[in-house]
Each structure stands twice: as C-alpha cells, then as structure tokens.
PDB file of N, CA and C in Angstrom:
ATOM      1  N   MET A   1     -21.375   4.076 -15.483  1.00  0.00           N
ATOM      2  CA  MET A   1     -20.110   4.807 -15.764  1.00  0.00           C
ATOM      3  C   MET A   1     -20.412   6.761 -15.355  1.00  0.00           C
ATOM      4  N   GLU A   2     -19.992   7.841 -15.250  1.00  0.00           N
ATOM      5  CA  GLU A   2     -19.978   8.533 -15.168  1.00  0.00           C
ATOM      6  C   GLU A   2     -19.148   9.725 -16.061  1.00  0.00           C
ATOM      7  N   LEU A   3     -19.747  10.543 -17.066  1.00  0.00           N
ATOM      8  CA  LEU A   3     -19.284  11.476 -18.268  1.00  0.00           C
ATOM      9  C   LEU A   3     -18.346  12.593 -17.230  1.00  0.00           C
ATOM     10  N   THR A   4     -17.198  12.746 -17.845  1.00  0.00           N
ATOM     11  CA  THR A   4     -16.101  14.140 -17.136  1.00  0.00           C
ATOM     12  C   THR A   4     -17.424  14.713 -18.199  1.00  0.00           C
ATOM     13  N   ARG A   5     -16.656  16.225 -17.776  1.00  0.00           N
ATOM     14  CA  ARG A   5     -17.326  17.552 -17.986  1.00  0.00           C
ATOM     15  C   ARG A   5     -16.882  17.471 -19.094  1.00  0.00           C
ATOM     16  N   ARG A   6     -15.670  17.305 -19.909  1.00  0.00           N
ATOM     17  CA  ARG A   6     -15.482  17.452 -21.584  1.00  0.00           C
ATOM     18  C   ARG A   6     -16.292  16.393 -22.421  1.00  0.00           C
ATOM     19  N   GLN A   7     -16.602  15.332 -21.848  1.00  0.00           N
ATOM     20  CA  GLN A   7     -17.809  14.201 -22.201  1.00  0.00           C
ATOM     21  C   GLN A   7     -18.617  14.827 -22.545  1.00  0.00           C
ATOM     22  N   GLU A   8     -19.348  15.598 -21.484  1.00  0.00           N
ATOM     23  CA  GLU A   8     -20.976  15.986 -20.915  1.00  0.00           C
ATOM     24  C   GLU A   8     -20.858  17.297 -22.044  1.00  0.00           C
ATOM     25  N   ILE A   9     -19.618  17.826 -22.335  1.00  0.00           N
ATOM     26  CA  ILE A   9     -19.774  19.470 -22.951  1.00  0.00           C
ATOM     27  C   ILE A   9     -19.757  18.929 -24.573  1.00  0.00           C
ATOM     28  N   MET A  10     -19.126  18.038 -24.888  1.00  0.00           N
ATOM     29  CA  MET A  10     -19.004  17.390 -26.369  1.00  0.00           C
ATOM     30  C   MET A  10     -20.549  16.601 -26.391  1.00  0.00           C
ATOM     31  N   ALA A  11     -21.270  15.809 -25.604  1.00  0.00           N
ATOM     32  CA  ALA A  11     -22.726  15.807 -25.868  1.00  0.00           C
ATOM     33  C   ALA A  11     -23.384  16.782 -26.039  1.00  0.00           C
ATOM     34  N   MET A  12     -23.192  17.676 -25.489  1.00  0.00           N
ATOM     35  CA  MET A  12     -24.462  18.367 -25.597  1.00  0.00           C
ATOM     36  C   MET A  12     -24.008  19.666 -26.964  1.00  0.00           C
ATOM     37  N   LEU A  13     -22.757  19.985 -27.522  1.00  0.00           N
ATOM     38  CA  LEU A  13     -22.673  20.447 -28.603  1.00  0.00           C
ATOM     39  C   LEU A  13     -23.385  19.456 -29.442  1.00  0.00           C
ATOM     40  N   ARG A  14     -23.145  18.690 -29.484  1.00  0.00           N
ATOM     41  CA  ARG A  14     -23.771  17.441 -30.794  1.00  0.00           C
ATOM     42  C   ARG A  14     -25.037  17.514 -30.919  1.00  0.00           C
ATOM     43  N   ASP A  15     -26.002  18.083 -29.577  1.00  0.00           N
ATOM     44  CA  ASP A  15     -27.547  17.893 -29.281  1.00  0.00           C
ATOM     45  C   ASP A  15     -27.773  19.487 -30.147  1.00  0.00           C
ATOM     46  N   GLY A  16     -26.903  20.491 -29.661  1.00  0.00           N
ATOM     47  CA  GLY A  16     -27.583  21.599 -30.181  1.00  0.00           C
ATOM     48  C   GLY A  16     -26.443  23.112 -29.971  1.00  0.00           C
ATOM     49  N   GLU A  17     -26.412  24.222 -30.467  1.00  0.00           N
ATOM     50  CA  GLU A  17     -25.666  25.449 -29.732  1.00  0.00           C
ATOM     51  C   GLU A  17     -25.559  26.050 -28.755  1.00  0.00           C
ATOM     52  N   TRP A  18     -24.494  26.131 -28.202  1.00  0.00           N
ATOM     53  CA  TRP A  18     -24.314  26.917 -26.677  1.00  0.00           C
ATOM     54  C   TRP A  18     -23.336  28.287 -26.804  1.00  0.00           C
ATOM     55  N   THR A  19     -23.886  29.102 -25.920  1.00  0.00           N
ATOM     56  CA  THR A  19     -22.739  30.114 -25.936  1.00  0.00           C
ATOM     57  C   THR A  19     -21.603  29.827 -24.781  1.00  0.00           C
ATOM     58  N   LEU A  20     -20.963  30.466 -24.696  1.00  0.00           N
ATOM     59  CA  LEU A  20     -19.741  29.947 -23.648  1.00  0.00           C
ATOM     60  C   LEU A  20     -20.450  30.379 -22.098  1.00  0.00           C
ATOM     61  N   ASP A  21     -21.516  31.546 -22.232  1.00  0.00           N
ATOM     62  CA  ASP A  21     -22.003  31.669 -20.896  1.00  0.00           C
ATOM     63  C   ASP A  21     -22.996  30.638 -20.430  1.00  0.00           C
ATOM     64  N   GLU A  22     -23.859  30.007 -21.605  1.00  0.00           N
ATOM     65  CA  GLU A  22     -24.871  29.043 -21.259  1.00  0.00           C
ATOM     66  C   GLU A  22     -24.193  28.098 -20.802  1.00  0.00           C
ATOM     67  N   LEU A  23     -22.751  27.534 -21.492  1.00  0.00           N
ATOM     68  CA  LEU A  23     -21.629  26.401 -20.593  1.00  0.00           C
ATOM     69  C   LEU A  23     -21.582  26.533 -19.253  1.00  0.00           C
ATOM     70  N   ALA A  24     -20.668  27.727 -19.070  1.00  0.00           N
ATOM     71  CA  ALA A  24     -20.234  28.270 -17.676  1.00  0.00           C
ATOM     72  C   ALA A  24     -21.714  27.731 -16.763  1.00  0.00           C
ATOM     73  N   ARG A  25     -22.108  28.447 -16.896  1.00  0.00           N
ATOM     74  CA  ARG A  25     -24.191  28.448 -16.153  1.00  0.00           C
ATOM     75  C   ARG A  25     -24.149  27.066 -15.985  1.00  0.00           C
ATOM     76  N   ASN A  26     -24.438  26.275 -16.996  1.00  0.00           N
ATOM     77  CA  ASN A  26     -25.073  24.872 -16.747  1.00  0.00           C
ATOM     78  C   ASN A  26     -24.155  23.982 -15.830  1.00  0.00           C
ATOM     79  N   PHE A  27     -22.335  24.439 -15.898  1.00  0.00           N
ATOM     80  CA  PHE A  27     -21.481  23.288 -15.112  1.00  0.00           C
ATOM     81  C   PHE A  27     -21.367  24.061 -14.060  1.00  0.00           C
ATOM     82  N   VAL A  28     -21.004  25.514 -13.665  1.00  0.00           N
ATOM     83  CA  VAL A  28     -21.133  26.158 -12.629  1.00  0.00           C
ATOM     84  C   VAL A  28     -20.000  26.415 -12.500  1.00  0.00           C
ATOM     85  N   VAL A  29     -18.937  26.772 -13.311  1.00  0.00           N
ATOM     86  CA  VAL A  29     -17.782  26.814 -12.966  1.00  0.00           C
ATOM     87  C   VAL A  29     -17.159  28.141 -14.204  1.00  0.00           C
ATOM     88  N   PRO A  30     -16.155  28.694 -14.188  1.00  0.00           N
ATOM     89  CA  PRO A  30     -15.652  29.854 -14.858  1.00  0.00           C
ATOM     90  C   PRO A  30     -15.424  30.044 -15.994  1.00  0.00           C
ATOM     91  N   LYS A  31     -15.591  31.099 -16.681  1.00  0.00           N
ATOM     92  CA  LYS A  31     -15.305  30.840 -18.315  1.00  0.00           C
ATOM     93  C   LYS A  31     -14.313  30.458 -18.774  1.00  0.00           C
ATOM     94  N   LYS A  32     -13.282  30.870 -18.111  1.00  0.00           N
ATOM     95  CA  LYS A  32     -12.047  30.428 -18.202  1.00  0.00           C
ATOM     96  C   LYS A  32     -12.051  28.554 -18.328  1.00  0.00           C
ATOM     97  N   VAL A  33     -12.528  28.061 -17.342  1.00  0.00           N
ATOM     98  CA  VAL A  33     -12.362  26.520 -17.390  1.00  0.00           C
ATOM     99  C   VAL A  33     -12.922  26.256 -18.663  1.00  0.00           C
ATOM    100  N   ILE A  34     -14.394  26.658 -19.117  1.00  0.00           N
ATOM    101  CA  ILE A  34     -15.136  26.225 -20.276  1.00  0.00           C
ATOM    102  C   ILE A  34     -14.055  26.580 -21.330  1.00  0.00           C
ATOM    103  N   ILE A  35     -13.286  27.595 -21.399  1.00  0.00           N
ATOM    104  CA  ILE A  35     -12.549  27.853 -22.658  1.00  0.00           C
ATOM    105  C   ILE A  35     -11.656  26.517 -22.884  1.00  0.00           C
ATOM    106  N   ASP A  36     -10.931  26.594 -21.552  1.00  0.00           N
ATOM    107  CA  ASP A  36      -9.762  25.187 -21.895  1.00  0.00           C
ATOM    108  C   ASP A  36     -10.571  24.081 -22.261  1.00  0.00           C
ATOM    109  N   ASP A  37     -11.424  23.955 -21.786  1.00  0.00           N
ATOM    110  CA  ASP A  37     -12.168  22.528 -22.513  1.00  0.00           C
ATOM    111  C   ASP A  37     -12.650  22.511 -23.687  1.00  0.00           C
ATOM    112  N   LEU A  38     -13.017  23.891 -24.297  1.00  0.00           N
ATOM    113  CA  LEU A  38     -13.388  23.986 -25.424  1.00  0.00           C
ATOM    114  C   LEU A  38     -12.368  23.765 -26.613  1.00  0.00           C
ATOM    115  N   GLU A  39     -11.043  24.393 -26.149  1.00  0.00           N
ATOM    116  CA  GLU A  39      -9.969  24.136 -26.758  1.00  0.00           C
ATOM    117  C   GLU A  39      -9.536  22.843 -26.884  1.00  0.00           C
ATOM    118  N   HIS A  40      -9.631  22.206 -25.944  1.00  0.00           N
ATOM    119  CA  HIS A  40      -9.470  20.704 -25.888  1.00  0.00           C
ATOM    120  C   HIS A  40      -9.890  19.809 -26.887  1.00  0.00           C
ATOM    121  N   ILE A  41     -11.342  20.170 -26.805  1.00  0.00           N
ATOM    122  CA  ILE A  41     -12.490  19.666 -27.712  1.00  0.00           C
ATOM    123  C   ILE A  41     -12.390  19.529 -29.042  1.00  0.00           C
ATOM    124  N   ALA A  42     -11.696  21.020 -29.464  1.00  0.00           N
ATOM    125  CA  ALA A  42     -11.637  21.384 -31.249  1.00  0.00           C
ATOM    126  C   ALA A  42     -10.449  20.251 -31.337  1.00  0.00           C
ATOM    127  N   ARG A  43      -9.588  19.784 -30.506  1.00  0.00           N
ATOM    128  CA  ARG A  43      -8.585  19.209 -31.121  1.00  0.00           C
ATOM    129  C   ARG A  43      -8.710  17.677 -31.335  1.00  0.00           C
ATOM    130  N   SER A  44      -9.603  17.444 -30.317  1.00  0.00           N
ATOM    131  CA  SER A  44     -10.163  15.759 -29.687  1.00  0.00           C
ATOM    132  C   SER A  44     -11.405  15.484 -30.479  1.00  0.00           C
ATOM    133  N   VAL A  45     -12.124  16.385 -31.232  1.00  0.00           N
ATOM    134  CA  VAL A  45     -13.410  15.921 -31.840  1.00  0.00           C
ATOM    135  C   VAL A  45     -13.253  14.914 -33.000  1.00  0.00           C
ATOM    136  N   PRO A  46     -13.587  13.400 -32.903  1.00  0.00           N
ATOM    137  CA  PRO A  46     -13.391  12.672 -33.690  1.00  0.00           C
ATOM    138  C   PRO A  46     -13.810  13.019 -35.250  1.00  0.00           C
ATOM    139  N   LYS A  47     -12.783  12.657 -36.478  1.00  0.00           N
ATOM    140  CA  LYS A  47     -13.693  13.127 -37.723  1.00  0.00           C
ATOM    141  C   LYS A  47     -14.470  12.165 -38.043  1.00  0.00           C
ATOM    142  N   PRO A  48     -15.261  12.782 -38.973  1.00  0.00           N
ATOM    143  CA  PRO A  48     -15.331  13.762 -39.986  1.00  0.00           C
ATOM    144  C   PRO A  48     -16.185  14.763 -38.812  1.00  0.00           C
ATOM    145  N   PHE A  49     -16.376  14.818 -38.105  1.00  0.00           N
ATOM    146  CA  PHE A  49     -17.025  15.997 -36.704  1.00  0.00           C
ATOM    147  C   PHE A  49     -15.504  17.208 -36.450  1.00  0.00           C
ATOM    148  N   ARG A  50     -16.588  18.693 -36.109  1.00  0.00           N
ATOM    149  CA  ARG A  50     -15.524  19.333 -35.969  1.00  0.00           C
ATOM    150  C   ARG A  50     -16.225  20.279 -35.565  1.00  0.00           C
ATOM    151  N   LEU A  51     -15.620  20.809 -34.436  1.00  0.00           N
ATOM    152  CA  LEU A  51     -16.260  21.875 -33.154  1.00  0.00           C
ATOM    153  C   LEU A  51     -16.210  23.605 -34.498  1.00  0.00           C
ATOM    154  N   GLN A  52     -17.623  23.430 -34.597  1.00  0.00           N
ATOM    155  CA  GLN A  52     -17.865  24.611 -35.009  1.00  0.00           C
ATOM    156  C   GLN A  52     -18.629  26.402 -34.576  1.00  0.00           C
ATOM    157  N   ILE A  53     -17.582  27.456 -34.980  1.00  0.00           N
ATOM    158  CA  ILE A  53     -17.880  28.262 -33.945  1.00  0.00           C
ATOM    159  C   ILE A  53     -18.627  29.572 -34.793  1.00  0.00           C
ATOM    160  N   HIS A  54     -19.494  29.456 -34.365  1.00  0.00           N
ATOM    161  CA  HIS A  54     -20.715  30.482 -35.261  1.00  0.00           C
ATOM    162  C   HIS A  54     -20.429  32.024 -34.717  1.00  0.00           C
ATOM    163  N   PRO A  55     -19.635  32.895 -35.646  1.00  0.00           N
ATOM    164  CA  PRO A  55     -19.110  34.199 -34.736  1.00  0.00           C
ATOM    165  C   PRO A  55     -20.004  34.921 -33.889  1.00  0.00           C
ATOM    166  N   PRO A  56     -19.761  35.624 -33.581  1.00  0.00           N
ATOM    167  CA  PRO A  56     -20.609  36.828 -32.238  1.00  0.00           C
ATOM    168  C   PRO A  56     -20.831  37.813 -33.444  1.00  0.00           C
ATOM    169  N   THR A  57     -21.731  38.584 -33.565  1.00  0.00           N
ATOM    170  CA  THR A  57     -22.002  39.644 -34.234  1.00  0.00           C
ATOM    171  C   THR A  57     -22.691  40.680 -33.488  1.00  0.00           C
ATOM    172  N   CYS A  58     -21.988  41.879 -33.991  1.00  0.00           N
ATOM    173  CA  CYS A  58     -22.357  43.405 -33.272  1.00  0.00           C
ATOM    174  C   CYS A  58     -23.696  43.550 -33.482  1.00  0.00           C
ATOM    175  N   GLU A  59     -24.238  44.022 -32.492  1.00  0.00           N
ATOM    176  CA  GLU A  59     -26.100  44.462 -32.368  1.00  0.00           C
ATOM    177  C   GLU A  59     -26.748  45.909 -33.166  1.00  0.00           C
ATOM    178  N   GLY A  60     -24.970  46.514 -32.786  1.00  0.00           N
ATOM    179  CA  GLY A  60     -25.455  48.074 -33.632  1.00  0.00           C
ATOM    180  C   GLY A  60     -24.837  48.074 -35.009  1.00  0.00           C
ATOM    181  N   CYS A  61     -24.223  47.588 -35.362  1.00  0.00           N
ATOM    182  CA  CYS A  61     -23.811  47.599 -36.889  1.00  0.00           C
ATOM    183  C   CYS A  61     -24.019  46.771 -37.448  1.00  0.00           C
ATOM    184  N   GLY A  62     -24.149  45.633 -36.849  1.00  0.00           N
ATOM    185  CA  GLY A  62     -24.382  43.963 -37.843  1.00  0.00           C
ATOM    186  C   GLY A  62     -22.857  43.603 -37.624  1.00  0.00           C
ATOM    187  N   TYR A  63     -21.707  44.210 -37.596  1.00  0.00           N
ATOM    188  CA  TYR A  63     -20.588  43.394 -37.757  1.00  0.00           C
ATOM    189  C   TYR A  63     -20.762  41.953 -37.350  1.00  0.00           C
ATOM    190  N   ARG A  64     -19.731  41.167 -38.142  1.00  0.00           N
ATOM    191  CA  ARG A  64     -19.749  39.797 -38.088  1.00  0.00           C
ATOM    192  C   ARG A  64     -18.124  39.423 -37.619  1.00  0.00           C
ATOM    193  N   PHE A  65     -18.172  39.074 -36.839  1.00  0.00           N
ATOM    194  CA  PHE A  65     -16.555  38.793 -36.578  1.00  0.00           C
ATOM    195  C   PHE A  65     -16.197  37.342 -37.282  1.00  0.00           C
ATOM    196  N   LYS A  66     -16.345  37.511 -38.797  1.00  0.00           N
ATOM    197  CA  LYS A  66     -15.486  36.193 -39.474  1.00  0.00           C
ATOM    198  C   LYS A  66     -13.805  35.735 -39.178  1.00  0.00           C
ATOM    199  N   GLY A  67     -14.249  34.319 -39.294  1.00  0.00           N
ATOM    200  CA  GLY A  67     -12.435  33.966 -39.071  1.00  0.00           C
ATOM    201  C   GLY A  67     -12.153  33.680 -37.512  1.00  0.00           C
ATOM    202  N   ARG A  68     -13.050  34.060 -36.617  1.00  0.00           N
ATOM    203  CA  ARG A  68     -11.946  34.020 -35.305  1.00  0.00           C
ATOM    204  C   ARG A  68     -12.372  33.137 -34.975  1.00  0.00           C
ATOM    205  N   THR A  69     -10.784  32.737 -34.582  1.00  0.00           N
ATOM    206  CA  THR A  69     -10.642  31.253 -33.819  1.00  0.00           C
ATOM    207  C   THR A  69     -10.297  31.359 -32.336  1.00  0.00           C
ATOM    208  N   LYS A  70     -10.467  32.377 -31.788  1.00  0.00           N
ATOM    209  CA  LYS A  70     -10.967  32.485 -30.572  1.00  0.00           C
ATOM    210  C   LYS A  70     -12.179  31.497 -29.881  1.00  0.00           C
ATOM    211  N   PHE A  71     -11.948  31.134 -28.513  1.00  0.00           N
ATOM    212  CA  PHE A  71     -13.250  31.042 -27.831  1.00  0.00           C
ATOM    213  C   PHE A  71     -13.473  31.667 -26.530  1.00  0.00           C
ATOM    214  N   ASN A  72     -12.771  32.822 -26.505  1.00  0.00           N
ATOM    215  CA  ASN A  72     -13.492  34.080 -25.455  1.00  0.00           C
ATOM    216  C   ASN A  72     -14.262  34.662 -26.300  1.00  0.00           C
ATOM    217  N   ASP A  73     -15.097  35.505 -26.062  1.00  0.00           N
ATOM    218  CA  ASP A  73     -16.048  36.565 -26.791  1.00  0.00           C
ATOM    219  C   ASP A  73     -15.532  38.008 -26.666  1.00  0.00           C
ATOM    220  N   PRO A  74     -15.694  38.433 -27.750  1.00  0.00           N
ATOM    221  CA  PRO A  74     -14.682  40.024 -27.940  1.00  0.00           C
ATOM    222  C   PRO A  74     -15.708  40.747 -26.883  1.00  0.00           C
ATOM    223  N   SER A  75     -14.972  41.649 -26.666  1.00  0.00           N
ATOM    224  CA  SER A  75     -15.312  43.016 -25.629  1.00  0.00           C
ATOM    225  C   SER A  75     -16.608  43.670 -26.025  1.00  0.00           C
ATOM    226  N   ARG A  76     -15.969  44.308 -27.410  1.00  0.00           N
ATOM    227  CA  ARG A  76     -16.641  45.535 -28.053  1.00  0.00           C
ATOM    228  C   ARG A  76     -16.461  45.451 -30.021  1.00  0.00           C
ATOM    229  N   CYS A  77     -17.184  45.504 -30.571  1.00  0.00           N
ATOM    230  CA  CYS A  77     -17.163  46.116 -32.217  1.00  0.00           C
ATOM    231  C   CYS A  77     -16.057  46.829 -32.538  1.00  0.00           C
ATOM    232  N   PRO A  78     -15.062  46.171 -33.537  1.00  0.00           N
ATOM    233  CA  PRO A  78     -13.522  47.576 -33.936  1.00  0.00           C
ATOM    234  C   PRO A  78     -14.432  48.057 -34.746  1.00  0.00           C
ATOM    235  N   MET A  79     -15.800  48.068 -35.102  1.00  0.00           N
ATOM    236  CA  MET A  79     -15.996  49.050 -35.987  1.00  0.00           C
ATOM    237  C   MET A  79     -16.613  50.268 -35.804  1.00  0.00           C
ATOM    238  N   CYS A  80     -17.652  49.840 -34.725  1.00  0.00           N
ATOM    239  CA  CYS A  80     -18.113  50.811 -34.095  1.00  0.00           C
ATOM    240  C   CYS A  80     -18.355  51.323 -32.609  1.00  0.00           C
ATOM    241  N   LYS A  81     -17.254  50.250 -32.021  1.00  0.00           N
ATOM    242  CA  LYS A  81     -17.176  50.445 -30.550  1.00  0.00           C
ATOM    243  C   LYS A  81     -18.248  50.044 -29.913  1.00  0.00           C
ATOM    244  N   ASN A  82     -19.383  49.442 -30.144  1.00  0.00           N
ATOM    245  CA  ASN A  82     -20.505  49.165 -29.556  1.00  0.00           C
ATOM    246  C   ASN A  82     -20.005  47.897 -28.646  1.00  0.00           C
ATOM    247  N   GLU A  83     -20.516  47.866 -27.185  1.00  0.00           N
ATOM    248  CA  GLU A  83     -20.320  46.719 -26.225  1.00  0.00           C
ATOM    249  C   GLU A  83     -21.617  45.681 -26.172  1.00  0.00           C
ATOM    250  N   HIS A  84     -22.473  45.832 -27.039  1.00  0.00           N
ATOM    251  CA  HIS A  84     -23.695  45.071 -27.221  1.00  0.00           C
ATOM    252  C   HIS A  84     -23.469  43.726 -28.166  1.00  0.00           C
ATOM    253  N   LEU A  85     -22.956  43.057 -27.996  1.00  0.00           N
ATOM    254  CA  LEU A  85     -22.632  41.830 -29.359  1.00  0.00           C
ATOM    255  C   LEU A  85     -23.460  40.592 -28.967  1.00  0.00           C
ATOM    256  N   ARG A  86     -24.202  40.393 -30.041  1.00  0.00           N
ATOM    257  CA  ARG A  86     -24.450  38.523 -29.784  1.00  0.00           C
ATOM    258  C   ARG A  86     -23.618  37.691 -29.428  1.00  0.00           C
ATOM    259  N   SER A  87     -23.518  36.755 -28.615  1.00  0.00           N
ATOM    260  CA  SER A  87     -22.217  35.918 -28.289  1.00  0.00           C
ATOM    261  C   SER A  87     -22.063  35.084 -29.065  1.00  0.00           C
ATOM    262  N   GLN A  88     -21.054  34.423 -29.170  1.00  0.00           N
ATOM    263  CA  GLN A  88     -20.629  33.068 -30.482  1.00  0.00           C
ATOM    264  C   GLN A  88     -21.060  32.251 -29.877  1.00  0.00           C
ATOM    265  N   ARG A  89     -21.663  31.220 -30.682  1.00  0.00           N
ATOM    266  CA  ARG A  89     -22.133  29.593 -30.140  1.00  0.00           C
ATOM    267  C   ARG A  89     -20.926  28.564 -30.969  1.00  0.00           C
ATOM    268  N   PHE A  90     -21.223  27.295 -30.134  1.00  0.00           N
ATOM    269  CA  PHE A  90     -20.445  26.223 -30.376  1.00  0.00           C
ATOM    270  C   PHE A  90     -21.331  25.530 -30.722  1.00  0.00           C
ATOM    271  N   ARG A  91     -20.959  24.610 -31.288  1.00  0.00           N
ATOM    272  CA  ARG A  91     -21.830  23.249 -31.878  1.00  0.00           C
ATOM    273  C   ARG A  91     -20.607  22.224 -32.552  1.00  0.00           C
ATOM    274  N   ILE A  92     -21.196  21.017 -32.456  1.00  0.00           N
ATOM    275  CA  ILE A  92     -20.330  20.017 -32.723  1.00  0.00           C
ATOM    276  C   ILE A  92     -20.994  19.676 -34.229  1.00  0.00           C
ATOM    277  N   GLU A  93     -20.121  19.466 -35.339  1.00  0.00           N
ATOM    278  CA  GLU A  93     -21.038  19.195 -36.593  1.00  0.00           C
ATOM    279  C   GLU A  93     -20.039  18.063 -37.369  1.00  0.00           C
TER     280      GLU A  93
END
C-alpha cells in the first residue's frame, strides 16, 4: 500500500527535523502545499505526540521568533530588519 504525501511527511518528521524548503524540494510541490499539509498534520498527530516548531532565528542579531504559530517562514527580523534568517524546523515529538 502506498502512503499519501501527508503520511510520508509525518514519517519523515518522526525521524528528524525538516525545514519547509527541504520538504517542498523533497516532494517537488510549492511551499503553500506543504504549509497546508503541516497545518493538517498539526491537528491530526496522535496523542501523546505533537508537531514541534523550532523557531526561526535571525543570523544578524540572534533574535528568536518564540511562540510563532505560523508555518510559513518570516521574511525579515523585526528587531534589526535583517533578511538572513535560519529557517524554522519541524519535527514530531
């Protein structure tokens, strides 16, 4: 039996951390499709597990986007306006 894309993403996230770009490249789909999948996965992960979002960090000043619940990557740092950010990473723990 073949797994759906969301099932494959869930399996990948159980095995390690992945960025939005890495997932989109792996499945050759736009980031928006992966964002929709992650939103669905966040609601459907069986207890006691949950989708963890490790926040993006500014490479300029080190600002961490703590408490961020959005699945898309921010475009720039709100503190120093730097556009070089380390991408947020997703994992099921």
